Amino acid sequence: MKELIDIITERRSTRKFTDQPIEQEKLDLILKAALMAPSSKRCTPWHFVVVEDANDLQTISESRQMGSAFVSGAKMAIVVLAEEEKSDVWVEDASIAASYIQLMAESLGIGSCWVQVRNRKKNDEETTENVLKKLLNIPDGLRAECVIALGYKGEEKAPFDQSKLKLDRIHRGQF
């Protein structure tokens, strides 16, 4: 198994995917990782909707004004939701779980890309979140943070160039 620093260095946003299906065992590991993510007061406010239907993926790809078209080419997507009333920091809790999804996917050789949902719109009349709520029958009280598109990589990207790290952004003791 790869070291965590290697997974972090190699994980890049994948927007082109192959037709190879994701094995159920790998999906199970990805979802277990999400469920093990830390949350405030261990309240675990999240829920995950796994979307594999091509028509639903197409609708998700059209749910934002821009930046989500590639979802239609993914083998699946995971919609990351959270119970707003259960946690005042549901955004952070859901975001951590989504990051765990991406890191576990990368460790298994599966590409991923985050699609922001919260505070995004399909058009002037409808939010991305409302599109997803209608499409996936998401109950009231659950909020959508993001969609993580998943699939085997149809493109190769260079690992993160650590020489470009902005080390001057790190401060010790005081700013």
Protein backbone atom coordinates (compact mmCIF):
# COMPACT_ATOMS: atom_id res chain seq x y z
CA MET A 1 0.00 0.00 0.00
CA LYS A 2 1.18 3.52 -0.77
CA GLU A 3 2.33 5.95 1.88
CA LEU A 4 -0.18 8.73 2.63
CA ILE A 5 2.19 11.47 1.45
CA ASP A 6 2.47 9.71 -1.93
CA ILE A 7 -1.32 9.48 -2.22
CA ILE A 8 -1.65 13.19 -1.43
CA THR A 9 1.11 14.11 -3.88
CA GLU A 10 -0.34 12.00 -6.71
CA ARG A 11 -4.03 12.89 -6.23
CA ARG A 12 -5.07 15.33 -8.92
CA SER A 13 -8.55 16.21 -10.13
CA THR A 14 -9.58 13.72 -12.81
CA ARG A 15 -12.12 14.92 -15.36
CA LYS A 16 -11.64 12.22 -18.01
CA PHE A 17 -12.54 8.65 -17.13
CA THR A 18 -12.32 5.24 -18.80
CA ASP A 19 -15.27 2.88 -19.24
CA GLN A 20 -13.83 0.40 -16.71
CA PRO A 21 -16.36 -0.24 -13.93
CA ILE A 22 -15.40 0.35 -10.32
CA GLU A 23 -15.36 -2.92 -8.41
CA GLN A 24 -17.87 -3.22 -5.56
CA GLU A 25 -15.07 -4.07 -3.11
CA LYS A 26 -13.31 -0.81 -3.93
CA LEU A 27 -16.51 1.21 -3.66
CA ASP A 28 -17.14 -0.39 -0.27
CA LEU A 29 -13.67 0.70 0.92
CA ILE A 30 -14.27 4.24 -0.33
CA LEU A 31 -17.58 4.47 1.51
CA LYS A 32 -16.14 2.95 4.69
CA ALA A 33 -13.38 5.56 4.62
CA ALA A 34 -16.02 8.30 4.37
CA LEU A 35 -17.90 6.84 7.32
CA MET A 36 -14.69 6.82 9.39
CA ALA A 37 -13.95 10.51 8.77
CA PRO A 38 -13.83 12.69 11.86
CA SER A 39 -16.78 14.94 12.68
CA SER A 40 -17.54 17.53 15.33
CA LYS A 41 -18.46 15.83 18.60
CA ARG A 42 -18.56 12.58 16.59
CA CYS A 43 -22.08 13.49 15.51
CA THR A 44 -21.55 11.97 12.04
CA PRO A 45 -24.13 14.16 10.26
CA TRP A 46 -23.38 12.88 6.78
CA HIS A 47 -25.23 10.75 4.27
CA PHE A 48 -23.93 9.56 0.91
CA VAL A 49 -25.88 8.87 -2.26
CA VAL A 50 -24.05 6.67 -4.78
CA VAL A 51 -25.19 7.54 -8.29
CA GLU A 52 -24.42 5.09 -11.11
CA ASP A 53 -27.29 5.64 -13.55
CA ALA A 54 -26.00 7.32 -16.73
CA ASN A 55 -29.09 9.54 -17.04
CA ASP A 56 -28.71 10.72 -13.45
CA LEU A 57 -25.01 11.40 -13.98
CA GLN A 58 -25.96 13.44 -17.05
CA THR A 59 -28.46 15.48 -15.02
CA ILE A 60 -25.83 16.09 -12.35
CA SER A 61 -23.38 17.19 -15.05
CA GLU A 62 -25.92 19.83 -16.13
CA SER A 63 -26.76 20.98 -12.59
CA ARG A 64 -24.30 23.87 -12.51
CA GLN A 65 -23.71 26.82 -14.78
CA MET A 66 -20.18 25.56 -15.35
CA GLY A 67 -17.57 23.18 -13.98
CA SER A 68 -19.55 19.95 -13.84
CA ALA A 69 -19.91 18.71 -17.44
CA PHE A 70 -17.32 15.95 -16.90
CA VAL A 71 -19.59 14.13 -14.42
CA SER A 72 -21.46 12.59 -17.35
CA GLY A 73 -18.28 10.66 -18.23
CA ALA A 74 -17.72 9.29 -14.72
CA LYS A 75 -18.62 5.71 -13.83
CA MET A 76 -20.31 6.95 -10.68
CA ALA A 77 -20.60 9.88 -8.35
CA ILE A 78 -21.08 10.18 -4.62
CA VAL A 79 -23.30 13.01 -3.44
CA VAL A 80 -22.13 14.15 -0.01
CA LEU A 81 -24.96 15.33 2.23
CA ALA A 82 -25.27 16.31 5.88
CA GLU A 83 -27.98 16.92 8.44
CA GLU A 84 -27.86 20.68 8.98
CA GLU A 85 -29.69 20.48 12.32
CA LYS A 86 -27.37 17.78 13.66
CA SER A 87 -24.20 19.84 13.35
CA ASP A 88 -23.54 23.56 13.23
CA VAL A 89 -20.37 22.69 11.32
CA TRP A 90 -22.01 20.32 8.83
CA VAL A 91 -20.12 21.97 5.97
CA GLU A 92 -16.79 21.13 7.54
CA ASP A 93 -17.89 17.63 8.55
CA ALA A 94 -19.15 16.86 5.03
CA SER A 95 -16.02 18.33 3.47
CA ILE A 96 -13.74 16.15 5.58
CA ALA A 97 -15.73 13.04 4.60
CA ALA A 98 -15.53 14.08 0.93
CA SER A 99 -11.76 14.45 1.23
CA TYR A 100 -11.55 10.95 2.70
CA ILE A 101 -13.51 9.68 -0.32
CA GLN A 102 -10.98 11.27 -2.65
CA LEU A 103 -7.94 10.03 -0.76
CA MET A 104 -9.23 6.46 -0.52
CA ALA A 105 -10.16 6.49 -4.21
CA GLU A 106 -6.65 7.63 -5.12
CA SER A 107 -5.10 4.91 -2.95
CA LEU A 108 -7.11 2.37 -4.98
CA GLY A 109 -6.07 3.81 -8.35
CA ILE A 110 -9.43 5.50 -8.94
CA GLY A 111 -9.61 9.10 -10.11
CA SER A 112 -11.93 11.68 -8.58
CA CYS A 113 -13.02 15.26 -8.89
CA TRP A 114 -14.94 17.45 -6.45
CA VAL A 115 -17.96 19.33 -7.79
CA GLN A 116 -19.09 22.06 -5.42
CA VAL A 117 -22.86 22.07 -4.82
CA ARG A 118 -23.51 24.37 -1.87
CA ASN A 119 -23.88 28.00 -2.98
CA ARG A 120 -23.89 27.06 -6.68
CA LYS A 121 -26.64 27.55 -9.23
CA LYS A 122 -27.91 25.81 -12.32
CA ASN A 123 -29.40 29.10 -13.53
CA ASP A 124 -30.92 32.27 -12.10
CA GLU A 125 -33.99 30.40 -10.86
CA GLU A 126 -32.64 27.12 -9.50
CA THR A 127 -29.79 26.06 -7.24
CA THR A 128 -27.63 23.04 -7.91
CA GLU A 129 -28.71 21.66 -4.56
CA ASN A 130 -32.40 21.80 -5.53
CA VAL A 131 -31.66 19.96 -8.78
CA LEU A 132 -30.04 17.16 -6.78
CA LYS A 133 -32.80 17.10 -4.16
CA LYS A 134 -35.44 16.60 -6.85
CA LEU A 135 -33.40 14.09 -8.85
CA LEU A 136 -32.37 11.91 -5.92
CA ASN A 137 -35.39 12.35 -3.65
CA ILE A 138 -33.24 13.88 -0.89
CA PRO A 139 -35.36 14.57 2.21
CA ASP A 140 -35.76 17.96 3.83
CA GLY A 141 -33.19 18.60 6.52
CA LEU A 142 -30.31 17.27 4.45
CA ARG A 143 -27.98 19.69 2.72
CA ALA A 144 -25.70 18.90 -0.20
CA GLU A 145 -22.09 20.00 0.06
CA CYS A 146 -20.56 18.42 -3.03
CA VAL A 147 -20.52 15.63 -5.56
CA ILE A 148 -17.40 13.49 -5.97
CA ALA A 149 -17.16 12.08 -9.49
CA LEU A 150 -15.33 8.73 -9.60
CA GLY A 151 -13.85 6.52 -12.27
CA TYR A 152 -10.64 4.99 -13.51
CA LYS A 153 -8.40 7.69 -14.89
CA GLY A 154 -8.67 8.43 -18.59
CA GLU A 155 -5.89 10.98 -18.31
CA GLU A 156 -2.58 11.08 -16.54
CA LYS A 157 -1.46 14.13 -14.65
CA ALA A 158 1.91 14.82 -13.12
CA PRO A 159 2.11 14.53 -9.35
CA PHE A 160 1.98 17.75 -7.36
CA ASP A 161 5.26 19.64 -7.73
CA GLN A 162 6.42 20.04 -4.14
CA SER A 163 8.94 22.69 -5.18
CA LYS A 164 5.91 24.96 -5.73
CA LEU A 165 4.74 24.69 -2.13
CA LYS A 166 4.29 28.15 -0.64
CA LEU A 167 6.23 27.49 2.52
CA ASP A 168 6.05 31.20 3.40
CA ARG A 169 2.38 30.58 4.27
CA ILE A 170 3.46 28.55 7.30
CA HIS A 171 3.87 30.55 10.51
CA ARG A 172 5.02 29.33 13.90
CA GLY A 173 3.87 30.80 17.17
CA GLN A 174 2.58 34.00 15.60
CA PHE A 175 1.83 35.35 12.18
